[in-house]
């Protein structure tokens, strides 16, 4: 049995045992996701392993044996947070809005609620005042994709291939894909699955919100030994993949004034020029996303290199301005 299967199953068992009533073996078995189901004997071994780290005990209730966590241990012993640390924690709450409706966000909300209860009223008044200074920009909501995220998390932990129906925006079509899921990546308010696509025979990015249905298979996979997740993600400006190119942009004085202090990409090299202008060099993927980003900056930027990118930007601008 793969080690990841056991760890995933034991995590689900602990979630069930955190309830005040505990659970019977049958209730524990029924609470497991279908892809984590196992024999009662395996459950007993899991509980025995958990007993080494957690104070579990059994009791007879209405003729049934219930497993429970020792009273007072269902909550982690109180951490010594200062008032400012609790307030800083609460100020980050809005940053997690894209995960609304997921199990991860539900657990984090419980943490935030406990932090609120621990603060005096004066502290909460200060928090509300500070929240007037900070806000979260556009992002996607994953409330309707909770089950998909849960399944992907289990498939990654178990190293199992998934079958999914995926909508491709560029082709305006839905197709069936077999994918080896490697990682879930959060970028600019959206979640992406990094995985090896059997159809395309290469590692690709899939927008989680465009996965129409998903099933975890019994097919195990191994991530290639030479695959470097960080290296794979670094070339794209945001999410699209393509052939890496060397880009050189020239910003005028007004545009450079706000652009110079931003980190657009890990590869960027900034050179300040006379009269406040700025030259920006990037090593990024050649994609429509790159063209769109340049157009979004506006007339304050010019493409110096390569010529092919300059032509694409000019053509896209022409099509935007063309009348019907």
C-alpha atoms as a PDB file:
ATOM      1  CA  UNK A   1       0.000   0.000   0.000  1.00  0.00           C
ATOM      2  CA  UNK A   2       1.481   3.372  -0.966  1.00  0.00           C
ATOM      3  CA  UNK A   3       2.497   5.499   1.995  1.00  0.00           C
ATOM      4  CA  UNK A   4       0.568   8.494   0.606  1.00  0.00           C
ATOM      5  CA  UNK A   5      -2.706   6.492   0.691  1.00  0.00           C
ATOM      6  CA  UNK A   6      -2.231   5.796   4.389  1.00  0.00           C
ATOM      7  CA  UNK A   7      -1.395   9.400   5.265  1.00  0.00           C
ATOM      8  CA  UNK A   8      -4.414  10.727   3.337  1.00  0.00           C
ATOM      9  CA  UNK A   9      -6.764   8.216   4.976  1.00  0.00           C
ATOM     10  CA  UNK A  10      -5.470   8.935   8.480  1.00  0.00           C
ATOM     11  CA  UNK A  11      -5.992  12.665   7.938  1.00  0.00           C
ATOM     12  CA  UNK A  12      -9.656  11.975   7.111  1.00  0.00           C
ATOM     13  CA  UNK A  13      -9.952   9.799  10.227  1.00  0.00           C
ATOM     14  CA  UNK A  14      -8.613  12.572  12.455  1.00  0.00           C
ATOM     15  CA  UNK A  15     -11.146  15.021  10.992  1.00  0.00           C
ATOM     16  CA  UNK A  16     -13.935  12.643  11.924  1.00  0.00           C
ATOM     17  CA  UNK A  17     -12.562  11.996  15.414  1.00  0.00           C
ATOM     18  CA  UNK A  18     -12.421  15.727  16.129  1.00  0.00           C
ATOM     19  CA  UNK A  19     -16.201  15.641  16.556  1.00  0.00           C
ATOM     20  CA  UNK A  20     -17.419  15.722  20.147  1.00  0.00           C
ATOM     21  CA  UNK A  21     -19.168  12.321  19.852  1.00  0.00           C
ATOM     22  CA  UNK A  22     -16.238  10.491  18.279  1.00  0.00           C
ATOM     23  CA  UNK A  23     -17.109   7.715  15.832  1.00  0.00           C
ATOM     24  CA  UNK A  24     -17.569   3.973  15.503  1.00  0.00           C
ATOM     25  CA  UNK A  25     -15.470   1.928  13.101  1.00  0.00           C
ATOM     26  CA  UNK A  26     -18.461   1.723  10.763  1.00  0.00           C
ATOM     27  CA  UNK A  27     -18.934   5.505  10.858  1.00  0.00           C
ATOM     28  CA  UNK A  28     -15.250   6.031  10.203  1.00  0.00           C
ATOM     29  CA  UNK A  29     -15.376   3.668   7.230  1.00  0.00           C
ATOM     30  CA  UNK A  30     -18.457   5.432   5.827  1.00  0.00           C
ATOM     31  CA  UNK A  31     -16.838   8.864   6.186  1.00  0.00           C
ATOM     32  CA  UNK A  32     -13.900   7.989   3.913  1.00  0.00           C
ATOM     33  CA  UNK A  33     -13.979   9.117   0.253  1.00  0.00           C
ATOM     34  CA  UNK A  34     -14.589   6.257  -2.176  1.00  0.00           C
ATOM     35  CA  UNK A  35     -10.988   6.277  -3.372  1.00  0.00           C
ATOM     36  CA  UNK A  36      -9.753   5.984   0.259  1.00  0.00           C
ATOM     37  CA  UNK A  37     -12.060   3.130   1.303  1.00  0.00           C
ATOM     38  CA  UNK A  38     -10.455   0.131   2.974  1.00  0.00           C
ATOM     39  CA  UNK A  39     -11.157  -2.983   5.064  1.00  0.00           C
ATOM     40  CA  UNK A  40     -12.074  -2.618   8.753  1.00  0.00           C
ATOM     41  CA  UNK A  41      -8.820  -4.386   9.650  1.00  0.00           C
ATOM     42  CA  UNK A  42      -6.901  -1.622   7.848  1.00  0.00           C
ATOM     43  CA  UNK A  43      -8.860   0.993   9.802  1.00  0.00           C
ATOM     44  CA  UNK A  44      -7.844  -0.684  13.044  1.00  0.00           C
ATOM     45  CA  UNK A  45      -4.190  -0.537  11.990  1.00  0.00           C
ATOM     46  CA  UNK A  46      -4.589   3.161  11.102  1.00  0.00           C
ATOM     47  CA  UNK A  47      -6.089   3.889  14.512  1.00  0.00           C
ATOM     48  CA  UNK A  48      -3.283   1.987  16.203  1.00  0.00           C
ATOM     49  CA  UNK A  49      -0.765   4.123  14.297  1.00  0.00           C
ATOM     50  CA  UNK A  50      -2.598   7.325  15.263  1.00  0.00           C
ATOM     51  CA  UNK A  51      -2.599   6.288  18.926  1.00  0.00           C
ATOM     52  CA  UNK A  52       1.183   6.649  18.929  1.00  0.00           C
ATOM     53  CA  UNK A  53       0.844  10.406  18.257  1.00  0.00           C
ATOM     54  CA  UNK A  54      -2.620  11.283  19.569  1.00  0.00           C
ATOM     55  CA  UNK A  55      -4.439  10.392  22.828  1.00  0.00           C
ATOM     56  CA  UNK A  56      -7.221   8.158  21.432  1.00  0.00           C
ATOM     57  CA  UNK A  57      -9.476   6.018  23.596  1.00  0.00           C
ATOM     58  CA  UNK A  58     -12.645   3.931  23.226  1.00  0.00           C
ATOM     59  CA  UNK A  59     -15.873   3.958  25.205  1.00  0.00           C
ATOM     60  CA  UNK A  60     -19.146   2.033  25.082  1.00  0.00           C
ATOM     61  CA  UNK A  61     -22.144   4.204  24.170  1.00  0.00           C
ATOM     62  CA  UNK A  62     -25.569   2.579  23.679  1.00  0.00           C
ATOM     63  CA  UNK A  63     -23.947  -0.758  23.026  1.00  0.00           C
ATOM     64  CA  UNK A  64     -21.498   0.601  20.460  1.00  0.00           C
ATOM     65  CA  UNK A  65     -17.761   1.133  20.731  1.00  0.00           C
ATOM     66  CA  UNK A  66     -16.852   4.705  19.854  1.00  0.00           C
ATOM     67  CA  UNK A  67     -13.357   6.004  19.194  1.00  0.00           C
ATOM     68  CA  UNK A  68     -12.633   9.485  20.535  1.00  0.00           C
ATOM     69  CA  UNK A  69      -9.872  11.986  21.056  1.00  0.00           C
ATOM     70  CA  UNK A  70      -9.216  12.689  24.729  1.00  0.00           C
ATOM     71  CA  UNK A  71     -11.294  15.607  26.045  1.00  0.00           C
ATOM     72  CA  UNK A  72      -9.333  18.847  25.862  1.00  0.00           C
ATOM     73  CA  UNK A  73      -7.122  17.553  23.052  1.00  0.00           C
ATOM     74  CA  UNK A  74      -9.549  18.067  20.169  1.00  0.00           C
ATOM     75  CA  UNK A  75      -8.247  21.619  20.142  1.00  0.00           C
ATOM     76  CA  UNK A  76      -4.538  22.283  19.899  1.00  0.00           C
ATOM     77  CA  UNK A  77      -3.285  23.775  23.187  1.00  0.00           C
ATOM     78  CA  UNK A  78      -3.583  27.580  23.171  1.00  0.00           C
ATOM     79  CA  UNK A  79      -0.820  29.391  21.323  1.00  0.00           C
ATOM     80  CA  UNK A  80       0.629  32.524  22.869  1.00  0.00           C
ATOM     81  CA  UNK A  81      -0.344  35.065  20.214  1.00  0.00           C
ATOM     82  CA  UNK A  82       0.028  38.726  21.019  1.00  0.00           C
ATOM     83  CA  UNK A  83      -2.817  41.141  20.231  1.00  0.00           C
ATOM     84  CA  UNK A  84      -0.956  42.560  17.222  1.00  0.00           C
ATOM     85  CA  UNK A  85      -0.224  39.055  15.909  1.00  0.00           C
ATOM     86  CA  UNK A  86      -3.922  38.158  16.089  1.00  0.00           C
ATOM     87  CA  UNK A  87      -4.851  41.383  14.326  1.00  0.00           C
ATOM     88  CA  UNK A  88      -2.277  40.731  11.602  1.00  0.00           C
ATOM     89  CA  UNK A  89      -3.792  37.262  11.149  1.00  0.00           C
ATOM     90  CA  UNK A  90      -7.285  38.711  10.761  1.00  0.00           C
ATOM     91  CA  UNK A  91      -6.081  41.270   8.228  1.00  0.00           C
ATOM     92  CA  UNK A  92      -5.068  38.401   5.905  1.00  0.00           C
ATOM     93  CA  UNK A  93      -8.576  36.928   5.830  1.00  0.00           C
ATOM     94  CA  UNK A  94      -9.671  38.709   2.654  1.00  0.00           C
ATOM     95  CA  UNK A  95      -6.612  37.418   0.806  1.00  0.00           C
ATOM     96  CA  UNK A  96      -8.153  33.944   1.017  1.00  0.00           C
ATOM     97  CA  UNK A  97     -11.490  34.870  -0.573  1.00  0.00           C
ATOM     98  CA  UNK A  98     -10.741  32.880  -3.764  1.00  0.00           C
ATOM     99  CA  UNK A  99     -10.939  29.702  -1.634  1.00  0.00           C
ATOM    100  CA  UNK A 100     -14.443  30.480  -0.290  1.00  0.00           C
ATOM    101  CA  UNK A 101     -16.523  27.319  -0.015  1.00  0.00           C
ATOM    102  CA  UNK A 102     -13.599  24.881   0.041  1.00  0.00           C
ATOM    103  CA  UNK A 103     -12.723  22.701   3.032  1.00  0.00           C
ATOM    104  CA  UNK A 104      -9.425  24.569   3.380  1.00  0.00           C
ATOM    105  CA  UNK A 105     -11.238  27.909   3.708  1.00  0.00           C
ATOM    106  CA  UNK A 106     -13.794  26.417   6.130  1.00  0.00           C
ATOM    107  CA  UNK A 107     -10.973  25.394   8.480  1.00  0.00           C
ATOM    108  CA  UNK A 108      -9.250  28.765   8.109  1.00  0.00           C
ATOM    109  CA  UNK A 109     -12.516  30.576   8.868  1.00  0.00           C
ATOM    110  CA  UNK A 110     -12.739  28.605  12.114  1.00  0.00           C
ATOM    111  CA  UNK A 111      -9.241  29.864  12.989  1.00  0.00           C
ATOM    112  CA  UNK A 112     -10.257  33.447  12.212  1.00  0.00           C
ATOM    113  CA  UNK A 113     -13.404  33.127  14.344  1.00  0.00           C
ATOM    114  CA  UNK A 114     -11.322  31.980  17.316  1.00  0.00           C
ATOM    115  CA  UNK A 115      -8.967  34.919  16.806  1.00  0.00           C
ATOM    116  CA  UNK A 116     -11.947  37.290  16.825  1.00  0.00           C
ATOM    117  CA  UNK A 117     -13.210  35.752  20.084  1.00  0.00           C
ATOM    118  CA  UNK A 118      -9.795  36.211  21.689  1.00  0.00           C
ATOM    119  CA  UNK A 119      -9.549  39.941  20.908  1.00  0.00           C
ATOM    120  CA  UNK A 120     -11.094  42.693  23.050  1.00  0.00           C
ATOM    121  CA  UNK A 121     -13.723  44.897  21.379  1.00  0.00           C
ATOM    122  CA  UNK A 122     -11.173  47.698  21.017  1.00  0.00           C
ATOM    123  CA  UNK A 123      -8.960  45.379  18.983  1.00  0.00           C
ATOM    124  CA  UNK A 124     -11.805  44.504  16.601  1.00  0.00           C
ATOM    125  CA  UNK A 125     -12.610  48.191  16.153  1.00  0.00           C
ATOM    126  CA  UNK A 126      -9.014  48.738  15.101  1.00  0.00           C
ATOM    127  CA  UNK A 127      -9.211  45.766  12.704  1.00  0.00           C
ATOM    128  CA  UNK A 128     -12.318  47.197  11.016  1.00  0.00           C
ATOM    129  CA  UNK A 129     -10.530  50.513  10.637  1.00  0.00           C
ATOM    130  CA  UNK A 130      -7.457  48.846   9.122  1.00  0.00           C
ATOM    131  CA  UNK A 131      -9.615  46.813   6.727  1.00  0.00           C
ATOM    132  CA  UNK A 132     -10.715  50.108   5.256  1.00  0.00           C
ATOM    133  CA  UNK A 133      -7.139  50.569   4.040  1.00  0.00           C
ATOM    134  CA  UNK A 134      -6.713  47.117   2.445  1.00  0.00           C
ATOM    135  CA  UNK A 135      -8.817  45.254  -0.114  1.00  0.00           C
ATOM    136  CA  UNK A 136      -8.535  42.297  -2.477  1.00  0.00           C
ATOM    137  CA  UNK A 137      -8.692  42.785  -6.234  1.00  0.00           C
ATOM    138  CA  UNK A 138     -10.481  40.635  -8.834  1.00  0.00           C
ATOM    139  CA  UNK A 139     -10.309  36.900  -8.263  1.00  0.00           C
ATOM    140  CA  UNK A 140     -12.184  33.733  -9.030  1.00  0.00           C
ATOM    141  CA  UNK A 141     -14.448  31.995  -6.536  1.00  0.00           C
ATOM    142  CA  UNK A 142     -14.037  28.236  -6.131  1.00  0.00           C
ATOM    143  CA  UNK A 143     -17.132  27.520  -4.048  1.00  0.00           C
ATOM    144  CA  UNK A 144     -18.597  25.405  -6.867  1.00  0.00           C
ATOM    145  CA  UNK A 145     -15.322  23.539  -7.357  1.00  0.00           C
ATOM    146  CA  UNK A 146     -14.835  22.313  -3.778  1.00  0.00           C
ATOM    147  CA  UNK A 147     -15.161  18.633  -4.676  1.00  0.00           C
ATOM    148  CA  UNK A 148     -12.791  18.991  -7.633  1.00  0.00           C
ATOM    149  CA  UNK A 149     -10.109  20.557  -5.421  1.00  0.00           C
ATOM    150  CA  UNK A 150     -10.570  17.818  -2.799  1.00  0.00           C
ATOM    151  CA  UNK A 151     -10.238  15.094  -5.445  1.00  0.00           C
ATOM    152  CA  UNK A 152      -7.154  16.693  -6.979  1.00  0.00           C
ATOM    153  CA  UNK A 153      -5.524  16.978  -3.554  1.00  0.00           C
ATOM    154  CA  UNK A 154      -6.113  13.274  -2.890  1.00  0.00           C
ATOM    155  CA  UNK A 155      -4.933  12.257  -6.359  1.00  0.00           C
ATOM    156  CA  UNK A 156      -1.704  14.228  -5.936  1.00  0.00           C
ATOM    157  CA  UNK A 157      -1.098  12.683  -2.492  1.00  0.00           C
ATOM    158  CA  UNK A 158      -1.796   9.175  -3.807  1.00  0.00           C
ATOM    159  CA  UNK A 159       0.050   9.658  -7.115  1.00  0.00           C
ATOM    160  CA  UNK A 160      -3.003   8.496  -9.097  1.00  0.00           C
ATOM    161  CA  UNK A 161      -3.912   9.465 -12.664  1.00  0.00           C
ATOM    162  CA  UNK A 162      -7.186  11.377 -13.030  1.00  0.00           C
ATOM    163  CA  UNK A 163      -9.678  11.326 -15.876  1.00  0.00           C
ATOM    164  CA  UNK A 164     -11.381  14.627 -16.529  1.00  0.00           C
ATOM    165  CA  UNK A 165     -13.575  16.472 -18.969  1.00  0.00           C
ATOM    166  CA  UNK A 166     -11.845  19.780 -19.620  1.00  0.00           C
ATOM    167  CA  UNK A 167     -13.095  22.891 -21.402  1.00  0.00           C
ATOM    168  CA  UNK A 168     -10.469  24.594 -23.570  1.00  0.00           C
ATOM    169  CA  UNK A 169     -11.239  28.302 -23.943  1.00  0.00           C
ATOM    170  CA  UNK A 170      -8.881  28.698 -26.917  1.00  0.00           C
ATOM    171  CA  UNK A 171     -10.686  25.946 -28.878  1.00  0.00           C
ATOM    172  CA  UNK A 172     -14.132  26.527 -27.322  1.00  0.00           C
ATOM    173  CA  UNK A 173     -14.481  22.777 -26.899  1.00  0.00           C
ATOM    174  CA  UNK A 174     -14.619  20.164 -24.122  1.00  0.00           C
ATOM    175  CA  UNK A 175     -12.473  17.044 -24.343  1.00  0.00           C
ATOM    176  CA  UNK A 176     -11.630  14.047 -22.182  1.00  0.00           C
ATOM    177  CA  UNK A 177      -8.127  14.026 -20.705  1.00  0.00           C
ATOM    178  CA  UNK A 178      -6.081  11.558 -18.674  1.00  0.00           C
ATOM    179  CA  UNK A 179      -3.700  13.601 -16.509  1.00  0.00           C
ATOM    180  CA  UNK A 180      -1.036  12.777 -13.916  1.00  0.00           C
ATOM    181  CA  UNK A 181      -1.582  15.579 -11.357  1.00  0.00           C
ATOM    182  CA  UNK A 182       1.619  17.071  -9.921  1.00  0.00           C
ATOM    183  CA  UNK A 183       0.668  20.305  -8.175  1.00  0.00           C
ATOM    184  CA  UNK A 184      -2.069  22.910  -7.647  1.00  0.00           C
ATOM    185  CA  UNK A 185      -0.718  26.403  -8.329  1.00  0.00           C
ATOM    186  CA  UNK A 186      -2.313  29.706  -7.280  1.00  0.00           C
ATOM    187  CA  UNK A 187      -1.542  32.688  -9.516  1.00  0.00           C
ATOM    188  CA  UNK A 188      -3.253  36.081  -9.839  1.00  0.00           C
ATOM    189  CA  UNK A 189      -6.481  35.017  -8.168  1.00  0.00           C
ATOM    190  CA  UNK A 190      -6.876  31.680  -9.962  1.00  0.00           C
ATOM    191  CA  UNK A 191      -6.012  28.018  -9.335  1.00  0.00           C
ATOM    192  CA  UNK A 192      -4.224  25.884 -11.917  1.00  0.00           C
ATOM    193  CA  UNK A 193      -3.440  22.168 -12.036  1.00  0.00           C
ATOM    194  CA  UNK A 194       0.087  21.314 -13.168  1.00  0.00           C
ATOM    195  CA  UNK A 195       0.047  17.826 -14.646  1.00  0.00           C
ATOM    196  CA  UNK A 196       1.243  15.525 -17.375  1.00  0.00           C
ATOM    197  CA  UNK A 197      -1.403  15.341 -20.104  1.00  0.00           C
ATOM    198  CA  UNK A 198      -1.506  11.876 -21.727  1.00  0.00           C
ATOM    199  CA  UNK A 199      -3.203  13.315 -24.823  1.00  0.00           C
ATOM    200  CA  UNK A 200      -0.575  15.973 -25.493  1.00  0.00           C
ATOM    201  CA  UNK A 201       2.273  13.921 -23.978  1.00  0.00           C
ATOM    202  CA  UNK A 202       3.658  16.873 -22.060  1.00  0.00           C
ATOM    203  CA  UNK A 203       3.257  18.744 -18.793  1.00  0.00           C
ATOM    204  CA  UNK A 204       0.529  21.363 -19.044  1.00  0.00           C
ATOM    205  CA  UNK A 205      -1.464  23.828 -16.963  1.00  0.00           C
ATOM    206  CA  UNK A 206      -5.204  23.335 -16.536  1.00  0.00           C
ATOM    207  CA  UNK A 207      -7.499  25.995 -15.048  1.00  0.00           C
ATOM    208  CA  UNK A 208      -9.292  24.292 -12.160  1.00  0.00           C
ATOM    209  CA  UNK A 209     -12.543  26.168 -12.838  1.00  0.00           C
ATOM    210  CA  UNK A 210     -12.635  24.723 -16.377  1.00  0.00           C
ATOM    211  CA  UNK A 211     -12.573  21.098 -15.193  1.00  0.00           C
ATOM    212  CA  UNK A 212     -16.133  19.952 -15.917  1.00  0.00           C
ATOM    213  CA  UNK A 213     -15.870  16.541 -14.203  1.00  0.00           C
ATOM    214  CA  UNK A 214     -13.103  14.496 -12.601  1.00  0.00           C
ATOM    215  CA  UNK A 215     -12.531  10.885 -11.525  1.00  0.00           C
ATOM    216  CA  UNK A 216      -9.539   9.438  -9.668  1.00  0.00           C
ATOM    217  CA  UNK A 217      -8.388   6.213 -11.334  1.00  0.00           C
ATOM    218  CA  UNK A 218      -6.499   3.257  -9.845  1.00  0.00           C
ATOM    219  CA  UNK A 219      -3.571   3.894 -12.192  1.00  0.00           C
ATOM    220  CA  UNK A 220      -0.444   4.951 -10.269  1.00  0.00           C
ATOM    221  CA  UNK A 221       2.089   7.302 -11.826  1.00  0.00           C
ATOM    222  CA  UNK A 222       5.591   8.489 -11.050  1.00  0.00           C
ATOM    223  CA  UNK A 223       6.723  12.062 -11.539  1.00  0.00           C
ATOM    224  CA  UNK A 224       9.752  12.100 -13.879  1.00  0.00           C
ATOM    225  CA  UNK A 225      12.974  12.355 -11.889  1.00  0.00           C
ATOM    226  CA  UNK A 226      14.187  15.303 -13.950  1.00  0.00           C
ATOM    227  CA  UNK A 227      11.002  17.346 -13.639  1.00  0.00           C
ATOM    228  CA  UNK A 228      11.529  20.666 -11.819  1.00  0.00           C
ATOM    229  CA  UNK A 229       8.236  22.330 -10.893  1.00  0.00           C
ATOM    230  CA  UNK A 230       9.815  25.711 -10.111  1.00  0.00           C
ATOM    231  CA  UNK A 231      11.676  25.742 -13.421  1.00  0.00           C
ATOM    232  CA  UNK A 232       8.495  24.808 -15.290  1.00  0.00           C
ATOM    233  CA  UNK A 233       6.497  27.671 -13.791  1.00  0.00           C
ATOM    234  CA  UNK A 234       9.097  30.425 -13.987  1.00  0.00           C
ATOM    235  CA  UNK A 235       8.992  31.146 -17.759  1.00  0.00           C
ATOM    236  CA  UNK A 236       5.295  31.959 -18.101  1.00  0.00           C
ATOM    237  CA  UNK A 237       4.280  35.541 -17.399  1.00  0.00           C
ATOM    238  CA  UNK A 238       1.257  34.166 -15.538  1.00  0.00           C
ATOM    239  CA  UNK A 239      -0.197  30.851 -16.678  1.00  0.00           C
ATOM    240  CA  UNK A 240       0.238  30.265 -20.425  1.00  0.00           C
ATOM    241  CA  UNK A 241       3.143  28.185 -21.653  1.00  0.00           C
ATOM    242  CA  UNK A 242       5.198  28.714 -24.806  1.00  0.00           C
ATOM    243  CA  UNK A 243       8.665  28.949 -26.303  1.00  0.00           C
ATOM    244  CA  UNK A 244      10.874  31.119 -24.045  1.00  0.00           C
ATOM    245  CA  UNK A 245      12.078  34.340 -25.655  1.00  0.00           C
ATOM    246  CA  UNK A 246      14.193  37.313 -24.613  1.00  0.00           C
ATOM    247  CA  UNK A 247      12.033  40.438 -24.398  1.00  0.00           C
ATOM    248  CA  UNK A 248      13.216  44.047 -24.162  1.00  0.00           C
ATOM    249  CA  UNK A 249      10.720  46.834 -23.433  1.00  0.00           C
ATOM    250  CA  UNK A 250      11.129  50.611 -23.189  1.00  0.00           C
ATOM    251  CA  UNK A 251       8.891  52.557 -20.778  1.00  0.00           C
ATOM    252  CA  UNK A 252       8.404  56.307 -21.060  1.00  0.00           C
ATOM    253  CA  UNK A 253       8.874  58.529 -18.006  1.00  0.00           C
ATOM    254  CA  UNK A 254       5.237  58.588 -16.862  1.00  0.00           C
ATOM    255  CA  UNK A 255       4.801  54.815 -17.179  1.00  0.00           C
ATOM    256  CA  UNK A 256       8.193  54.019 -15.655  1.00  0.00           C
ATOM    257  CA  UNK A 257       7.269  56.028 -12.553  1.00  0.00           C
ATOM    258  CA  UNK A 258       4.763  53.357 -11.445  1.00  0.00           C
ATOM    259  CA  UNK A 259       6.200  50.337 -13.260  1.00  0.00           C
ATOM    260  CA  UNK A 260       9.754  50.458 -11.876  1.00  0.00           C
ATOM    261  CA  UNK A 261       8.867  49.268  -8.364  1.00  0.00           C
ATOM    262  CA  UNK A 262       6.878  46.202  -9.461  1.00  0.00           C
ATOM    263  CA  UNK A 263       8.099  42.649  -9.844  1.00  0.00           C
ATOM    264  CA  UNK A 264       6.561  41.586 -13.123  1.00  0.00           C
ATOM    265  CA  UNK A 265       8.543  38.354 -13.449  1.00  0.00           C
ATOM    266  CA  UNK A 266      11.436  36.630 -11.613  1.00  0.00           C
ATOM    267  CA  UNK A 267      13.701  37.026 -14.669  1.00  0.00           C
ATOM    268  CA  UNK A 268      13.274  40.803 -14.982  1.00  0.00           C
ATOM    269  CA  UNK A 269      16.240  43.150 -15.268  1.00  0.00           C
ATOM    270  CA  UNK A 270      15.486  46.854 -14.834  1.00  0.00           C
ATOM    271  CA  UNK A 271      17.713  49.628 -16.156  1.00  0.00           C
ATOM    272  CA  UNK A 272      16.824  53.257 -15.438  1.00  0.00           C
ATOM    273  CA  UNK A 273      17.660  55.633 -18.296  1.00  0.00           C
ATOM    274  CA  UNK A 274      17.941  59.384 -18.750  1.00  0.00           C
ATOM    275  CA  UNK A 275      14.833  61.524 -18.363  1.00  0.00           C
ATOM    276  CA  UNK A 276      13.223  58.901 -16.122  1.00  0.00           C
ATOM    277  CA  UNK A 277      12.675  56.270 -18.808  1.00  0.00           C
ATOM    278  CA  UNK A 278      13.159  52.579 -18.053  1.00  0.00           C
ATOM    279  CA  UNK A 279      14.311  49.513 -19.957  1.00  0.00           C
ATOM    280  CA  UNK A 280      12.908  46.150 -18.861  1.00  0.00           C
ATOM    281  CA  UNK A 281      14.358  42.817 -19.956  1.00  0.00           C
ATOM    282  CA  UNK A 282      12.445  39.554 -19.450  1.00  0.00           C
ATOM    283  CA  UNK A 283      12.951  35.879 -20.254  1.00  0.00           C
ATOM    284  CA  UNK A 284       9.364  34.674 -20.676  1.00  0.00           C
ATOM    285  CA  UNK A 285       7.143  32.426 -22.770  1.00  0.00           C
ATOM    286  CA  UNK A 286       5.995  33.743 -26.154  1.00  0.00           C
ATOM    287  CA  UNK A 287       2.196  33.685 -25.677  1.00  0.00           C
ATOM    288  CA  UNK A 288      -0.974  35.699 -26.278  1.00  0.00           C
ATOM    289  CA  UNK A 289      -0.846  36.403 -22.564  1.00  0.00           C
ATOM    290  CA  UNK A 290       2.396  38.341 -23.067  1.00  0.00           C
ATOM    291  CA  UNK A 291       0.866  40.344 -25.910  1.00  0.00           C
ATOM    292  CA  UNK A 292      -2.191  41.138 -23.804  1.00  0.00           C
ATOM    293  CA  UNK A 293      -0.055  42.255 -20.875  1.00  0.00           C
ATOM    294  CA  UNK A 294       1.906  44.706 -23.058  1.00  0.00           C
ATOM    295  CA  UNK A 295      -1.311  46.111 -24.539  1.00  0.00           C
ATOM    296  CA  UNK A 296      -2.740  46.498 -21.043  1.00  0.00           C
ATOM    297  CA  UNK A 297       0.149  48.797 -20.084  1.00  0.00           C
ATOM    298  CA  UNK A 298      -0.765  51.040 -23.006  1.00  0.00           C
ATOM    299  CA  UNK A 299       1.082  53.534 -25.192  1.00  0.00           C
ATOM    300  CA  UNK A 300       3.683  54.193 -22.510  1.00  0.00           C
ATOM    301  CA  UNK A 301       5.639  51.059 -23.464  1.00  0.00           C
ATOM    302  CA  UNK A 302       7.402  50.060 -26.693  1.00  0.00           C
ATOM    303  CA  UNK A 303       8.678  46.638 -27.725  1.00  0.00           C
ATOM    304  CA  UNK A 304      12.382  46.880 -28.603  1.00  0.00           C
ATOM    305  CA  UNK A 305      13.012  43.134 -28.991  1.00  0.00           C
ATOM    306  CA  UNK A 306      12.168  40.762 -30.558  1.00  0.00           C
ATOM    307  CA  UNK A 307      10.714  42.019 -33.831  1.00  0.00           C
ATOM    308  CA  UNK A 308       8.225  39.138 -33.920  1.00  0.00           C
ATOM    309  CA  UNK A 309       6.697  40.256 -30.621  1.00  0.00           C
ATOM    310  CA  UNK A 310       6.514  43.878 -31.789  1.00  0.00           C
ATOM    311  CA  UNK A 311       4.624  42.720 -34.891  1.00  0.00           C
ATOM    312  CA  UNK A 312       2.156  40.703 -32.812  1.00  0.00           C
ATOM    313  CA  UNK A 313       1.438  43.641 -30.507  1.00  0.00           C
ATOM    314  CA  UNK A 314       0.926  46.004 -33.469  1.00  0.00           C
ATOM    315  CA  UNK A 315      -1.384  43.554 -35.219  1.00  0.00           C
ATOM    316  CA  UNK A 316      -3.437  42.970 -32.069  1.00  0.00           C
ATOM    317  CA  UNK A 317      -3.745  46.728 -31.528  1.00  0.00           C
ATOM    318  CA  UNK A 318      -4.856  47.148 -35.151  1.00  0.00           C
ATOM    319  CA  UNK A 319      -7.567  44.488 -34.765  1.00  0.00           C
ATOM    320  CA  UNK A 320      -8.792  46.084 -31.538  1.00  0.00           C
ATOM    321  CA  UNK A 321      -9.119  49.508 -33.167  1.00  0.00           C
ATOM    322  CA  UNK A 322     -10.555  48.243 -36.467  1.00  0.00           C
ATOM    323  CA  UNK A 323     -14.227  49.017 -37.046  1.00  0.00           C
ATOM    324  CA  UNK A 324     -16.717  46.290 -38.017  1.00  0.00           C
END
